[in-house]
């Protein structure tokens, strides 16, 4: 399942990040690595707000569809 499919309030675990290049590296530096638990906090205007390792992060819906979770 993709992160973009997760409902608000659900907690999931990252399985794989399919984002190439510099953006993929930056996401990993921010803590979006396999086995990390994330909580979907809010959806609005094409953005997905998540909580990762105690901090808030907002990502675009297209980017969220490239992150595989379970």
N, C-alpha and C. Protein backbone atom coordinates (compact mmCIF):
# COMPACT_ATOMS: atom_id res chain seq x y z
N UNK A 1 0.85 -1.17 0.00
CA UNK A 1 0.00 0.00 0.00
C UNK A 1 0.90 1.23 0.00
N UNK A 2 0.45 2.29 -0.64
CA UNK A 2 1.19 3.55 -0.70
C UNK A 2 0.80 4.44 0.48
N UNK A 3 1.70 5.32 0.86
CA UNK A 3 1.41 6.26 1.93
C UNK A 3 0.22 7.14 1.58
N UNK A 4 0.03 7.43 0.31
CA UNK A 4 -1.08 8.27 -0.11
C UNK A 4 -2.44 7.59 0.11
N UNK A 5 -2.46 6.27 0.31
CA UNK A 5 -3.70 5.52 0.55
C UNK A 5 -4.08 5.43 2.02
N UNK A 6 -3.20 5.84 2.91
CA UNK A 6 -3.43 5.71 4.34
C UNK A 6 -4.39 6.80 4.81
N UNK A 7 -5.30 6.42 5.70
CA UNK A 7 -6.31 7.36 6.22
C UNK A 7 -5.75 8.16 7.39
N UNK A 8 -6.33 9.32 7.60
CA UNK A 8 -5.93 10.18 8.72
C UNK A 8 -6.13 9.42 10.04
N UNK A 9 -5.13 9.49 10.91
CA UNK A 9 -5.19 8.82 12.20
C UNK A 9 -4.54 7.45 12.22
N UNK A 10 -4.21 6.90 11.05
CA UNK A 10 -3.59 5.59 11.00
C UNK A 10 -2.07 5.68 11.17
N UNK A 11 -1.53 4.68 11.84
CA UNK A 11 -0.09 4.59 12.03
C UNK A 11 0.41 3.41 11.17
N UNK A 12 1.42 3.65 10.36
CA UNK A 12 1.96 2.62 9.46
C UNK A 12 3.49 2.59 9.57
N UNK A 13 4.08 1.56 8.98
CA UNK A 13 5.53 1.40 8.96
C UNK A 13 6.02 1.48 7.52
N UNK A 14 7.07 2.24 7.30
CA UNK A 14 7.65 2.37 5.96
C UNK A 14 8.31 1.06 5.56
N UNK A 15 7.97 0.60 4.36
CA UNK A 15 8.57 -0.62 3.82
C UNK A 15 9.67 -0.27 2.83
N UNK A 16 9.39 0.72 1.93
CA UNK A 16 10.38 1.11 0.92
C UNK A 16 10.07 2.51 0.41
N UNK A 17 11.12 3.27 0.11
CA UNK A 17 10.97 4.61 -0.45
C UNK A 17 11.46 4.57 -1.90
N UNK A 18 10.53 4.74 -2.86
CA UNK A 18 10.84 4.68 -4.29
C UNK A 18 11.05 6.08 -4.86
N UNK A 19 11.83 6.89 -4.21
CA UNK A 19 12.07 8.26 -4.69
C UNK A 19 13.55 8.35 -5.08
N UNK A 20 13.83 8.55 -6.36
CA UNK A 20 15.22 8.58 -6.81
C UNK A 20 15.90 9.93 -6.57
N UNK A 21 17.20 9.90 -6.65
CA UNK A 21 17.98 11.14 -6.67
C UNK A 21 18.09 11.86 -5.34
N UNK A 22 18.31 13.14 -5.46
CA UNK A 22 18.56 14.00 -4.30
C UNK A 22 17.36 14.05 -3.37
N UNK A 23 16.16 14.08 -3.93
CA UNK A 23 14.96 14.14 -3.10
C UNK A 23 14.82 12.88 -2.24
N UNK A 24 15.10 11.72 -2.82
CA UNK A 24 15.07 10.48 -2.06
C UNK A 24 16.08 10.47 -0.93
N UNK A 25 17.27 10.97 -1.21
CA UNK A 25 18.31 11.06 -0.18
C UNK A 25 17.88 12.00 0.95
N UNK A 26 17.26 13.10 0.57
CA UNK A 26 16.81 14.09 1.57
C UNK A 26 15.72 13.51 2.46
N UNK A 27 14.80 12.77 1.87
CA UNK A 27 13.75 12.13 2.67
C UNK A 27 14.35 11.15 3.66
N UNK A 28 15.36 10.40 3.23
CA UNK A 28 16.01 9.46 4.14
C UNK A 28 16.74 10.19 5.26
N UNK A 29 17.35 11.32 4.94
CA UNK A 29 18.02 12.12 5.96
C UNK A 29 17.03 12.64 7.00
N UNK A 30 15.78 12.88 6.55
CA UNK A 30 14.75 13.38 7.46
C UNK A 30 14.07 12.26 8.24
N UNK A 31 14.50 11.03 8.04
CA UNK A 31 13.99 9.93 8.84
C UNK A 31 13.03 9.00 8.14
N UNK A 32 12.75 9.21 6.87
CA UNK A 32 11.85 8.34 6.14
C UNK A 32 12.63 7.16 5.58
N UNK A 33 12.93 6.22 6.45
CA UNK A 33 13.70 5.03 6.10
C UNK A 33 12.87 3.79 6.45
N UNK A 34 13.15 2.65 5.82
CA UNK A 34 12.40 1.44 6.14
C UNK A 34 12.39 1.13 7.64
N UNK A 35 11.27 0.59 8.10
CA UNK A 35 11.00 0.21 9.50
C UNK A 35 10.64 1.39 10.38
N UNK A 36 10.54 2.59 9.85
CA UNK A 36 10.16 3.75 10.63
C UNK A 36 8.64 3.85 10.69
N UNK A 37 8.11 4.06 11.89
CA UNK A 37 6.67 4.23 12.05
C UNK A 37 6.29 5.68 11.81
N UNK A 38 5.19 5.89 11.07
CA UNK A 38 4.70 7.24 10.82
C UNK A 38 3.20 7.28 11.06
N UNK A 39 2.73 8.44 11.49
CA UNK A 39 1.32 8.68 11.75
C UNK A 39 0.82 9.72 10.77
N UNK A 40 -0.28 9.42 10.09
CA UNK A 40 -0.88 10.40 9.17
C UNK A 40 -1.76 11.32 10.01
N UNK A 41 -1.41 12.60 10.02
CA UNK A 41 -2.08 13.57 10.88
C UNK A 41 -3.20 14.31 10.15
N UNK A 42 -2.97 14.71 8.90
CA UNK A 42 -3.95 15.53 8.19
C UNK A 42 -3.73 15.46 6.69
N UNK A 43 -4.81 15.73 5.95
CA UNK A 43 -4.75 15.87 4.49
C UNK A 43 -5.40 17.20 4.14
N UNK A 44 -4.74 17.95 3.27
CA UNK A 44 -5.35 19.19 2.81
C UNK A 44 -4.64 19.71 1.57
N UNK A 45 -5.43 20.11 0.58
CA UNK A 45 -4.92 20.75 -0.63
C UNK A 45 -3.75 20.03 -1.29
N UNK A 46 -3.86 18.72 -1.41
CA UNK A 46 -2.82 17.95 -2.07
C UNK A 46 -1.61 17.65 -1.21
N UNK A 47 -1.65 18.03 0.06
CA UNK A 47 -0.55 17.76 0.99
C UNK A 47 -0.96 16.71 2.01
N UNK A 48 0.01 15.96 2.47
CA UNK A 48 -0.21 14.96 3.50
C UNK A 48 0.69 15.34 4.68
N UNK A 49 0.09 15.59 5.82
CA UNK A 49 0.86 15.93 7.02
C UNK A 49 1.07 14.66 7.84
N UNK A 50 2.32 14.37 8.16
CA UNK A 50 2.65 13.16 8.90
C UNK A 50 3.53 13.50 10.10
N UNK A 51 3.55 12.57 11.04
CA UNK A 51 4.44 12.69 12.20
C UNK A 51 5.47 11.57 12.08
N UNK A 52 6.75 11.96 12.05
CA UNK A 52 7.85 11.01 11.89
C UNK A 52 8.87 11.25 13.00
N UNK A 53 9.07 10.25 13.83
CA UNK A 53 10.07 10.33 14.90
C UNK A 53 9.94 11.59 15.74
N UNK A 54 8.70 11.99 16.00
CA UNK A 54 8.46 13.11 16.89
C UNK A 54 8.42 14.48 16.24
N UNK A 55 8.54 14.56 14.94
CA UNK A 55 8.41 15.87 14.30
C UNK A 55 7.41 15.81 13.16
N UNK A 56 6.88 16.97 12.80
CA UNK A 56 5.85 17.07 11.76
C UNK A 56 6.49 17.32 10.41
N UNK A 57 5.92 16.71 9.38
CA UNK A 57 6.43 16.85 8.02
C UNK A 57 5.24 16.85 7.08
N UNK A 58 5.23 17.72 6.08
CA UNK A 58 4.19 17.74 5.06
C UNK A 58 4.82 17.40 3.72
N UNK A 59 4.19 16.47 3.01
CA UNK A 59 4.69 16.07 1.70
C UNK A 59 3.56 16.10 0.68
N UNK A 60 3.91 16.24 -0.58
CA UNK A 60 2.91 16.25 -1.66
C UNK A 60 2.33 14.87 -1.86
N UNK A 61 1.10 14.84 -2.35
CA UNK A 61 0.42 13.57 -2.59
C UNK A 61 1.16 12.67 -3.56
N UNK A 62 1.73 13.24 -4.63
CA UNK A 62 2.49 12.47 -5.61
C UNK A 62 3.70 11.80 -4.95
N UNK A 63 4.37 12.54 -4.09
CA UNK A 63 5.53 11.99 -3.39
C UNK A 63 5.09 10.88 -2.43
N UNK A 64 3.95 11.06 -1.78
CA UNK A 64 3.44 10.05 -0.85
C UNK A 64 3.11 8.75 -1.57
N UNK A 65 2.74 8.83 -2.84
CA UNK A 65 2.41 7.62 -3.60
C UNK A 65 3.66 6.82 -3.95
N UNK A 66 4.84 7.39 -3.78
CA UNK A 66 6.10 6.69 -4.06
C UNK A 66 6.70 6.08 -2.80
N UNK A 67 6.00 6.17 -1.68
CA UNK A 67 6.47 5.60 -0.41
C UNK A 67 5.57 4.43 -0.07
N UNK A 68 6.15 3.24 -0.01
CA UNK A 68 5.40 2.01 0.25
C UNK A 68 5.40 1.74 1.76
N UNK A 69 4.20 1.49 2.30
CA UNK A 69 4.06 1.25 3.74
C UNK A 69 3.28 -0.04 3.98
N UNK A 70 3.32 -0.50 5.23
CA UNK A 70 2.51 -1.66 5.61
C UNK A 70 1.90 -1.44 6.97
